[in-house]
C-alpha cells in the first residue's frame, strides 16, 4: 500500500528536531495536574479492564511510555520518526519501541487493551483521520480504552517553518473543534466517555482536548 504523502514531512521534521525536543519538552512529572490526572485515569481504566497491553502511538522519546509503565501498565511505543525511536530505545532500553505509522499499524486485530495518542494526531490532515481512527478501533480489544490528546481550533491549518530548537520543519497542524474530533471517533465505532477541554493561559488560542473513548464490547 502506498504511504500517504503527508507522512514523509512529519517523519523528516521530527527526525530533525528530535534531540531538541528531548531538551525542551517537559517530562510527565512536569505536566500540568489535569494532564497527569487524565493519564492516571486512563491507566486505571486499562488496568481494570485487563484486556492487553497499551500502545503509545506517537511516543516520541518514550517518556510517557515509561510513565504508563510506572502506572502499572504493560506499554510499548510506536513513532513515525526513526530518530525519536532511537532516542526512546536509548533512554528506556527495558521497553519496546518500533517505527510505524498510525495509518497502517503493524498490530493484530484486538491486540491492545489501550491506546494512548497524546498530541500525535493533529499533524494528520482531517481527511485521513477516519483511517487513523479505524486503525485504533481495529487494534483495540472490545472493551478497550483510548486516550487521545490534541490541540484544537476552528479548522485552522498552521504551517510553521521552525520547530523545537529553531530547526526547520515542513509539517502542518490541523486544528479541529473538539466536537468534530468526538464525531470522528464516534463514526469510527468508539463510545466517547469523557472530554476535557483545557485553556492555554501561556499561549491563548492553543487550547487542547483530552478525550477518553471505549471500543464497545458488542
Protein backbone atom coordinates (compact mmCIF):
# COMPACT_ATOMS: atom_id res chain seq x y z
CA UNK A 1 0.00 0.00 0.00
CA UNK A 2 1.31 3.45 -0.94
CA UNK A 3 2.13 5.62 2.07
CA UNK A 4 0.21 8.92 2.31
CA UNK A 5 2.46 11.79 1.21
CA UNK A 6 1.99 13.88 4.36
CA UNK A 7 3.77 11.27 6.48
CA UNK A 8 7.14 12.00 4.89
CA UNK A 9 7.06 15.64 6.02
CA UNK A 10 6.19 14.60 9.57
CA UNK A 11 8.92 11.95 9.67
CA UNK A 12 11.66 14.21 8.34
CA UNK A 13 10.63 17.11 10.57
CA UNK A 14 10.64 15.09 13.78
CA UNK A 15 13.89 13.40 12.84
CA UNK A 16 15.33 16.92 12.55
CA UNK A 17 14.02 18.24 15.88
CA UNK A 18 14.27 15.03 17.93
CA UNK A 19 17.23 15.97 20.10
CA UNK A 20 15.91 19.50 20.71
CA UNK A 21 12.51 18.01 21.56
CA UNK A 22 14.08 15.97 24.36
CA UNK A 23 15.69 19.12 25.73
CA UNK A 24 12.66 21.41 25.51
CA UNK A 25 9.53 19.34 26.16
CA UNK A 26 8.65 18.72 29.79
CA UNK A 27 8.53 15.11 31.02
CA UNK A 28 5.32 13.73 32.54
CA UNK A 29 6.38 14.87 36.01
CA UNK A 30 6.39 18.45 34.72
CA UNK A 31 2.98 18.29 33.03
CA UNK A 32 0.04 20.26 34.34
CA UNK A 33 -2.02 18.46 37.01
CA UNK A 34 -5.04 17.88 34.75
CA UNK A 35 -2.97 16.17 32.06
CA UNK A 36 -1.32 13.92 34.64
CA UNK A 37 -4.76 13.14 36.07
CA UNK A 38 -6.07 12.12 32.65
CA UNK A 39 -3.11 9.79 32.15
CA UNK A 40 -3.66 8.30 35.60
CA UNK A 41 -7.40 7.81 34.97
CA UNK A 42 -6.65 6.15 31.63
CA UNK A 43 -4.16 3.83 33.31
CA UNK A 44 -6.75 2.82 35.91
CA UNK A 45 -9.35 2.11 33.23
CA UNK A 46 -6.94 -0.08 31.28
CA UNK A 47 -5.71 -1.92 34.38
CA UNK A 48 -9.26 -2.63 35.50
CA UNK A 49 -10.34 -3.94 32.09
CA UNK A 50 -7.18 -6.09 31.84
CA UNK A 51 -7.53 -6.75 28.11
CA UNK A 52 -3.95 -6.43 26.91
CA UNK A 53 -1.00 -4.05 26.56
CA UNK A 54 -1.07 -0.35 25.76
CA UNK A 55 0.36 1.15 22.59
CA UNK A 56 1.69 4.69 22.98
CA UNK A 57 1.20 5.91 19.40
CA UNK A 58 3.40 8.84 18.50
CA UNK A 59 5.54 8.04 21.53
CA UNK A 60 8.40 10.40 20.69
CA UNK A 61 11.36 9.79 23.01
CA UNK A 62 9.34 7.36 25.14
CA UNK A 63 8.87 9.38 28.30
CA UNK A 64 5.12 8.86 28.51
CA UNK A 65 5.53 5.20 27.57
CA UNK A 66 7.79 4.85 30.61
CA UNK A 67 5.29 6.83 32.71
CA UNK A 68 2.50 4.43 31.75
CA UNK A 69 4.72 1.53 32.77
CA UNK A 70 5.30 3.21 36.14
CA UNK A 71 1.50 3.44 36.48
CA UNK A 72 1.29 -0.34 36.25
CA UNK A 73 0.64 -0.89 32.55
CA UNK A 74 2.40 -3.10 30.04
CA UNK A 75 3.21 -0.40 27.49
CA UNK A 76 5.20 -0.08 24.30
CA UNK A 77 5.75 2.79 21.89
CA UNK A 78 5.39 3.39 18.17
CA UNK A 79 6.55 6.51 16.36
CA UNK A 80 6.88 7.59 12.75
CA UNK A 81 10.32 9.12 13.35
CA UNK A 82 13.26 6.66 13.40
CA UNK A 83 15.32 9.23 15.30
CA UNK A 84 12.68 9.52 18.01
CA UNK A 85 12.52 5.73 18.30
CA UNK A 86 16.32 5.54 18.59
CA UNK A 87 16.27 8.10 21.42
CA UNK A 88 13.45 6.22 23.15
CA UNK A 89 15.36 2.94 22.99
CA UNK A 90 18.47 4.62 24.32
CA UNK A 91 16.65 6.24 27.25
CA UNK A 92 14.45 3.23 28.06
CA UNK A 93 16.26 0.05 27.00
CA UNK A 94 13.90 -2.12 29.02
CA UNK A 95 10.87 -1.07 26.95
CA UNK A 96 9.83 -1.90 23.40
CA UNK A 97 9.73 0.75 20.68
CA UNK A 98 9.14 0.44 16.95
CA UNK A 99 8.92 2.68 13.90
CA UNK A 100 5.42 2.75 12.46
CA UNK A 101 2.50 4.80 11.21
CA UNK A 102 -0.97 5.19 12.70
CA UNK A 103 -2.37 4.95 9.18
CA UNK A 104 -1.34 1.28 8.98
CA UNK A 105 -0.42 -0.24 12.33
CA UNK A 106 1.58 -3.48 12.31
CA UNK A 107 -0.64 -4.92 15.03
CA UNK A 108 -3.22 -7.67 15.10
CA UNK A 109 -6.96 -7.10 15.38
CA UNK A 110 -7.99 -6.70 19.03
CA UNK A 111 -4.41 -6.97 20.28
CA UNK A 112 -4.46 -3.96 22.59
CA UNK A 113 -6.10 -3.20 25.90
CA UNK A 114 -5.42 0.51 25.48
CA UNK A 115 -4.18 3.14 23.07
CA UNK A 116 -2.62 6.45 24.01
CA UNK A 117 -2.41 9.04 21.23
CA UNK A 118 -1.11 12.03 23.17
CA UNK A 119 -0.85 15.06 20.89
CA UNK A 120 0.16 12.84 17.99
CA UNK A 121 -2.78 13.17 15.55
CA UNK A 122 -3.01 16.92 14.92
CA UNK A 123 -0.47 16.73 12.07
CA UNK A 124 -2.82 14.34 10.25
CA UNK A 125 -4.98 16.02 7.59
CA UNK A 126 -8.64 15.65 8.58
CA UNK A 127 -9.47 13.53 5.54
CA UNK A 128 -7.02 10.90 6.83
CA UNK A 129 -8.31 10.84 10.42
CA UNK A 130 -11.05 8.27 9.65
CA UNK A 131 -8.30 5.87 8.52
CA UNK A 132 -6.28 6.52 11.68
CA UNK A 133 -9.26 6.15 14.00
CA UNK A 134 -10.32 2.99 12.18
CA UNK A 135 -6.86 1.56 12.91
CA UNK A 136 -7.28 2.48 16.57
CA UNK A 137 -10.64 0.70 16.62
CA UNK A 138 -9.32 -2.36 14.77
CA UNK A 139 -6.36 -2.94 17.07
CA UNK A 140 -8.21 -2.38 20.36
CA UNK A 141 -9.87 -5.31 22.05
CA UNK A 142 -13.62 -4.96 22.62
CA UNK A 143 -13.92 -3.05 25.88
CA UNK A 144 -10.50 -1.44 25.38
CA UNK A 145 -9.86 2.25 26.03
CA UNK A 146 -8.39 5.12 24.03
CA UNK A 147 -7.00 8.37 25.43
CA UNK A 148 -6.44 10.99 22.75
CA UNK A 149 -4.90 14.38 23.42
CA UNK A 150 -4.87 17.05 20.72
CA UNK A 151 -4.62 20.73 20.01
CA UNK A 152 -7.99 22.10 18.92
CA UNK A 153 -9.26 25.09 16.97
CA UNK A 154 -11.79 26.22 14.38
CA UNK A 155 -10.49 24.23 11.40
CA UNK A 156 -7.26 26.25 11.24
CA UNK A 157 -4.21 24.94 9.42
CA UNK A 158 -0.88 26.11 10.80
CA UNK A 159 2.29 25.76 8.74
CA UNK A 160 5.29 26.52 10.97
CA UNK A 161 8.69 26.87 9.34
CA UNK A 162 10.63 26.32 12.56
CA UNK A 163 10.19 23.65 15.21
CA UNK A 164 11.85 22.81 18.51
CA UNK A 165 15.24 24.48 18.80
CA UNK A 166 14.61 26.63 15.74
CA UNK A 167 15.16 23.72 13.36
CA UNK A 168 13.30 23.78 10.02
CA UNK A 169 10.10 21.76 9.77
CA UNK A 170 7.63 21.14 6.97
CA UNK A 171 4.59 19.56 8.63
CA UNK A 172 1.17 21.12 9.10
CA UNK A 173 -1.03 21.27 12.20
CA UNK A 174 -4.75 20.78 11.61
CA UNK A 175 -6.76 22.24 14.48
CA UNK A 176 -10.27 20.84 14.57
CA UNK A 177 -13.06 21.72 17.01
CA UNK A 178 -13.48 19.42 19.99
CA UNK A 179 -16.93 18.37 18.80
CA UNK A 180 -15.58 17.35 15.39
CA UNK A 181 -12.91 15.12 16.94
CA UNK A 182 -15.57 13.45 19.07
CA UNK A 183 -17.78 12.99 15.99
CA UNK A 184 -14.97 11.30 14.05
CA UNK A 185 -14.26 8.95 16.95
CA UNK A 186 -17.94 8.07 17.19
CA UNK A 187 -18.08 7.46 13.44
CA UNK A 188 -15.14 5.05 13.82
CA UNK A 189 -17.18 3.00 16.30
CA UNK A 190 -15.99 4.43 19.62
CA UNK A 191 -18.15 5.44 22.56
CA UNK A 192 -16.79 8.75 23.87
CA UNK A 193 -16.98 8.61 27.66
CA UNK A 194 -15.22 11.83 28.74
CA UNK A 195 -13.85 15.06 27.32
CA UNK A 196 -11.64 17.65 28.99
CA UNK A 197 -11.02 20.93 27.19
CA UNK A 198 -8.14 22.96 28.59
CA UNK A 199 -7.42 26.62 28.02
CA UNK A 200 -3.78 27.59 27.49
CA UNK A 201 -3.02 30.58 29.71
CA UNK A 202 0.52 30.93 28.37
CA UNK A 203 -0.48 30.62 24.68
CA UNK A 204 -4.01 31.94 24.08
CA UNK A 205 -5.61 30.30 21.09
CA UNK A 206 -3.81 26.99 21.70
CA UNK A 207 -6.48 25.09 23.60
CA UNK A 208 -6.20 21.35 23.99
CA UNK A 209 -8.56 18.45 24.49
CA UNK A 210 -8.22 15.08 26.16
CA UNK A 211 -10.80 12.53 25.02
CA UNK A 212 -11.43 9.16 26.67
CA UNK A 213 -13.23 6.67 24.43
CA UNK A 214 -14.06 2.99 24.65
CA UNK A 215 -14.50 0.32 21.99
CA UNK A 216 -17.88 -1.31 22.74
CA UNK A 217 -17.95 -4.99 23.56
CA UNK A 218 -20.85 -5.64 21.20
